[in-house]
Amino acid sequence: MTTIRFDVTLYRIDDWTIFRLPQEGSRKLPSRGQVAVQGTINGHDFQTVLEPDGHSGHWMKVDQKLQRSAGITAGDTATLEIQSTKDWPEPRVPKDLETALAAAPQKIQDIWRDITPMARWEWVRWVNATRNPDTRKRRVEVSISKMNSGKRRPCCFDLAACTDPNLSRSGRLAGIGQ
């Protein structure tokens, strides 16, 4: 795998600290959608999934732990080295989906365990892609129903769009420049 190296500036949007990959960096990645990567930021290791920004590029949330270890915060510029990887990390499953999966019939729990981490990321992304609590509740229910009918992935959403409702406007990363 080719290592992609560049400097990024960290931005704060609400409670999130993120950076946006330069377009030339995103163009070297295998997809305009989510991409699993491993790499370093200021020499500190991480593995994550880059999110699409809706502009044919990518962004990444930098959690507090990585900020502390790399000695960076919003407004700083950091050196990033990444490689795409086929080994997807496990997603953080939101509590409502986790509860529904735990209460679901064994068939659905087996499907959840059998699907790839990439597919689990897609389910989590789809459930998380709304601010409306009623819509979110319905998406959890529909997730269970779809898996019950044998579906292994959600469908019908733009994989290259920014779907985080706290960071996107009309499928595009908002709040920071291109």
Protein backbone atom coordinates (compact mmCIF):
# COMPACT_ATOMS: atom_id res chain seq x y z
CA MET A 1 0.00 0.00 0.00
CA THR A 2 1.18 3.49 -0.84
CA THR A 3 1.71 5.91 2.02
CA ILE A 4 0.02 9.26 1.55
CA ARG A 5 1.74 12.08 3.46
CA PHE A 6 0.59 15.67 3.94
CA ASP A 7 -0.05 18.36 6.50
CA VAL A 8 -3.57 19.04 7.76
CA THR A 9 -5.11 21.77 9.85
CA LEU A 10 -7.46 20.74 12.64
CA TYR A 11 -10.82 22.51 12.90
CA ARG A 12 -13.45 22.64 15.59
CA ILE A 13 -17.09 22.19 14.63
CA ASP A 14 -19.36 22.14 17.68
CA ASP A 15 -17.82 19.54 20.01
CA TRP A 16 -15.83 17.84 17.26
CA THR A 17 -12.22 18.32 16.23
CA ILE A 18 -11.71 17.21 12.64
CA PHE A 19 -9.48 17.69 9.67
CA ARG A 20 -10.21 17.54 5.99
CA LEU A 21 -7.78 15.76 3.70
CA PRO A 22 -6.36 17.83 0.87
CA GLN A 23 -7.97 16.90 -2.46
CA GLU A 24 -4.70 15.43 -3.75
CA GLY A 25 -4.63 13.10 -0.76
CA SER A 26 -8.24 11.99 -1.20
CA ARG A 27 -7.67 11.34 -4.91
CA LYS A 28 -5.06 8.70 -3.98
CA LEU A 29 -7.57 6.72 -1.91
CA PRO A 30 -9.50 3.81 -3.44
CA SER A 31 -12.99 5.25 -2.87
CA ARG A 32 -14.93 8.52 -2.59
CA GLY A 33 -16.94 6.82 0.18
CA GLN A 34 -15.67 5.55 3.52
CA VAL A 35 -12.09 4.27 3.49
CA ALA A 36 -10.37 2.25 6.23
CA VAL A 37 -6.90 3.61 6.94
CA GLN A 38 -4.02 3.14 9.30
CA GLY A 39 -1.39 5.74 9.85
CA THR A 40 0.17 8.32 12.08
CA ILE A 41 -0.55 11.89 13.02
CA ASN A 42 2.58 13.66 14.24
CA GLY A 43 4.11 10.19 14.58
CA HIS A 44 1.28 8.72 16.73
CA ASP A 45 -0.43 5.59 15.42
CA PHE A 46 -4.13 5.30 14.70
CA GLN A 47 -6.55 3.18 12.70
CA THR A 48 -9.93 4.49 11.63
CA VAL A 49 -12.37 4.95 8.79
CA LEU A 50 -12.21 8.21 6.86
CA GLU A 51 -15.62 9.68 6.09
CA PRO A 52 -16.61 11.17 2.74
CA ASP A 53 -17.06 14.94 2.68
CA GLY A 54 -19.53 15.18 -0.22
CA HIS A 55 -16.92 17.09 -2.26
CA SER A 56 -15.12 13.94 -3.55
CA GLY A 57 -12.83 14.12 -0.53
CA HIS A 58 -12.58 12.85 3.03
CA TRP A 59 -12.47 14.01 6.64
CA MET A 60 -11.57 12.46 9.98
CA LYS A 61 -12.61 13.07 13.57
CA VAL A 62 -9.62 13.35 15.91
CA ASP A 63 -10.68 12.14 19.34
CA GLN A 64 -9.35 13.55 22.62
CA LYS A 65 -7.00 10.61 23.20
CA LEU A 66 -5.28 11.04 19.82
CA GLN A 67 -5.15 14.82 20.26
CA ARG A 68 -3.40 14.39 23.63
CA SER A 69 -0.90 11.79 22.41
CA ALA A 70 -0.08 13.79 19.26
CA GLY A 71 0.01 17.09 21.16
CA ILE A 72 -2.50 18.79 18.87
CA THR A 73 -5.72 20.73 19.16
CA ALA A 74 -8.06 22.69 16.90
CA GLY A 75 -6.16 25.35 14.97
CA ASP A 76 -2.93 23.32 14.87
CA THR A 77 -1.34 21.87 11.77
CA ALA A 78 -0.25 18.24 11.97
CA THR A 79 1.65 15.85 9.73
CA LEU A 80 -0.46 12.93 8.60
CA GLU A 81 0.74 9.68 7.03
CA ILE A 82 -1.93 7.18 6.00
CA GLN A 83 -2.33 3.97 4.04
CA SER A 84 -5.63 2.46 3.05
CA THR A 85 -6.18 -0.99 4.49
CA LYS A 86 -8.56 -3.85 3.90
CA ASP A 87 -8.72 -4.45 7.67
CA TRP A 88 -11.61 -2.32 8.90
CA PRO A 89 -11.74 -1.54 12.61
CA GLU A 90 -14.95 -2.29 14.43
CA PRO A 91 -17.36 0.65 14.53
CA ARG A 92 -18.61 2.15 17.76
CA VAL A 93 -22.18 0.84 17.77
CA PRO A 94 -24.64 3.42 19.16
CA LYS A 95 -26.47 2.35 22.29
CA ASP A 96 -29.93 2.24 20.68
CA LEU A 97 -28.77 -0.05 17.88
CA GLU A 98 -26.73 -2.16 20.31
CA THR A 99 -29.79 -2.61 22.54
CA ALA A 100 -31.98 -3.57 19.57
CA LEU A 101 -29.41 -6.08 18.34
CA ALA A 102 -29.09 -7.65 21.80
CA ALA A 103 -32.89 -8.04 22.01
CA ALA A 104 -33.21 -9.36 18.44
CA PRO A 105 -33.71 -13.02 17.54
CA GLN A 106 -30.59 -15.16 17.30
CA LYS A 107 -30.83 -15.13 13.47
CA ILE A 108 -30.24 -11.35 13.44
CA GLN A 109 -27.44 -11.54 16.00
CA ASP A 110 -25.78 -14.18 13.83
CA ILE A 111 -26.07 -11.97 10.74
CA TRP A 112 -24.55 -9.03 12.65
CA ARG A 113 -21.60 -11.17 13.75
CA ASP A 114 -21.20 -12.67 10.26
CA ILE A 115 -21.18 -9.46 8.23
CA THR A 116 -17.93 -7.62 7.67
CA PRO A 117 -16.82 -4.67 9.79
CA MET A 118 -17.31 -2.55 6.65
CA ALA A 119 -20.97 -3.59 6.50
CA ARG A 120 -21.37 -2.86 10.24
CA TRP A 121 -19.93 0.63 9.62
CA GLU A 122 -22.60 1.16 6.94
CA TRP A 123 -25.43 0.17 9.32
CA VAL A 124 -24.07 2.46 12.04
CA ARG A 125 -23.58 5.31 9.56
CA TRP A 126 -27.16 4.97 8.29
CA VAL A 127 -28.67 4.94 11.80
CA ASN A 128 -26.54 7.94 12.83
CA ALA A 129 -27.38 10.00 9.73
CA THR A 130 -30.30 11.90 11.26
CA ARG A 131 -30.92 14.39 14.04
CA ASN A 132 -34.60 13.53 14.28
CA PRO A 133 -35.17 11.10 17.20
CA ASP A 134 -38.26 9.59 15.55
CA THR A 135 -36.40 8.97 12.31
CA ARG A 136 -33.49 7.47 14.22
CA LYS A 137 -35.81 5.16 16.17
CA ARG A 138 -37.41 4.08 12.91
CA ARG A 139 -33.99 3.42 11.34
CA VAL A 140 -33.04 1.14 14.21
CA GLU A 141 -36.32 -0.75 13.75
CA VAL A 142 -35.85 -0.93 9.97
CA SER A 143 -32.27 -2.18 10.47
CA ILE A 144 -33.52 -5.09 12.54
CA SER A 145 -36.33 -5.76 10.05
CA LYS A 146 -33.98 -5.71 7.06
CA MET A 147 -31.55 -8.07 8.76
CA ASN A 148 -34.48 -10.31 9.67
CA SER A 149 -35.29 -10.55 5.95
CA GLY A 150 -31.65 -11.46 5.23
CA LYS A 151 -30.25 -8.07 4.22
CA ARG A 152 -26.61 -7.69 5.12
CA ARG A 153 -26.27 -3.99 4.29
CA PRO A 154 -28.51 -0.94 4.39
CA CYS A 155 -29.27 0.53 1.01
CA CYS A 156 -30.35 3.67 -0.68
CA PHE A 157 -28.02 6.33 0.66
CA ASP A 158 -25.22 8.18 -1.12
CA LEU A 159 -22.00 6.52 0.03
CA ALA A 160 -19.95 9.57 -1.04
CA ALA A 161 -22.07 12.04 0.95
CA CYS A 162 -21.21 13.39 4.37
CA THR A 163 -23.96 11.85 6.48
CA ASP A 164 -23.08 13.13 9.94
CA PRO A 165 -26.00 15.44 10.81
CA ASN A 166 -23.79 17.55 13.10
CA LEU A 167 -21.26 18.24 10.37
CA SER A 168 -23.11 18.18 7.08
CA ARG A 169 -25.43 20.34 5.08
CA SER A 170 -27.12 18.71 2.08
CA GLY A 171 -24.63 15.82 2.10
CA ARG A 172 -21.55 18.05 2.19
CA LEU A 173 -19.14 18.70 5.03
CA ALA A 174 -19.98 22.16 6.35
CA GLY A 175 -18.03 24.62 8.40
CA ILE A 176 -14.55 24.41 6.88
CA GLY A 177 -13.11 25.44 3.57
CA GLN A 178 -12.16 23.19 0.72
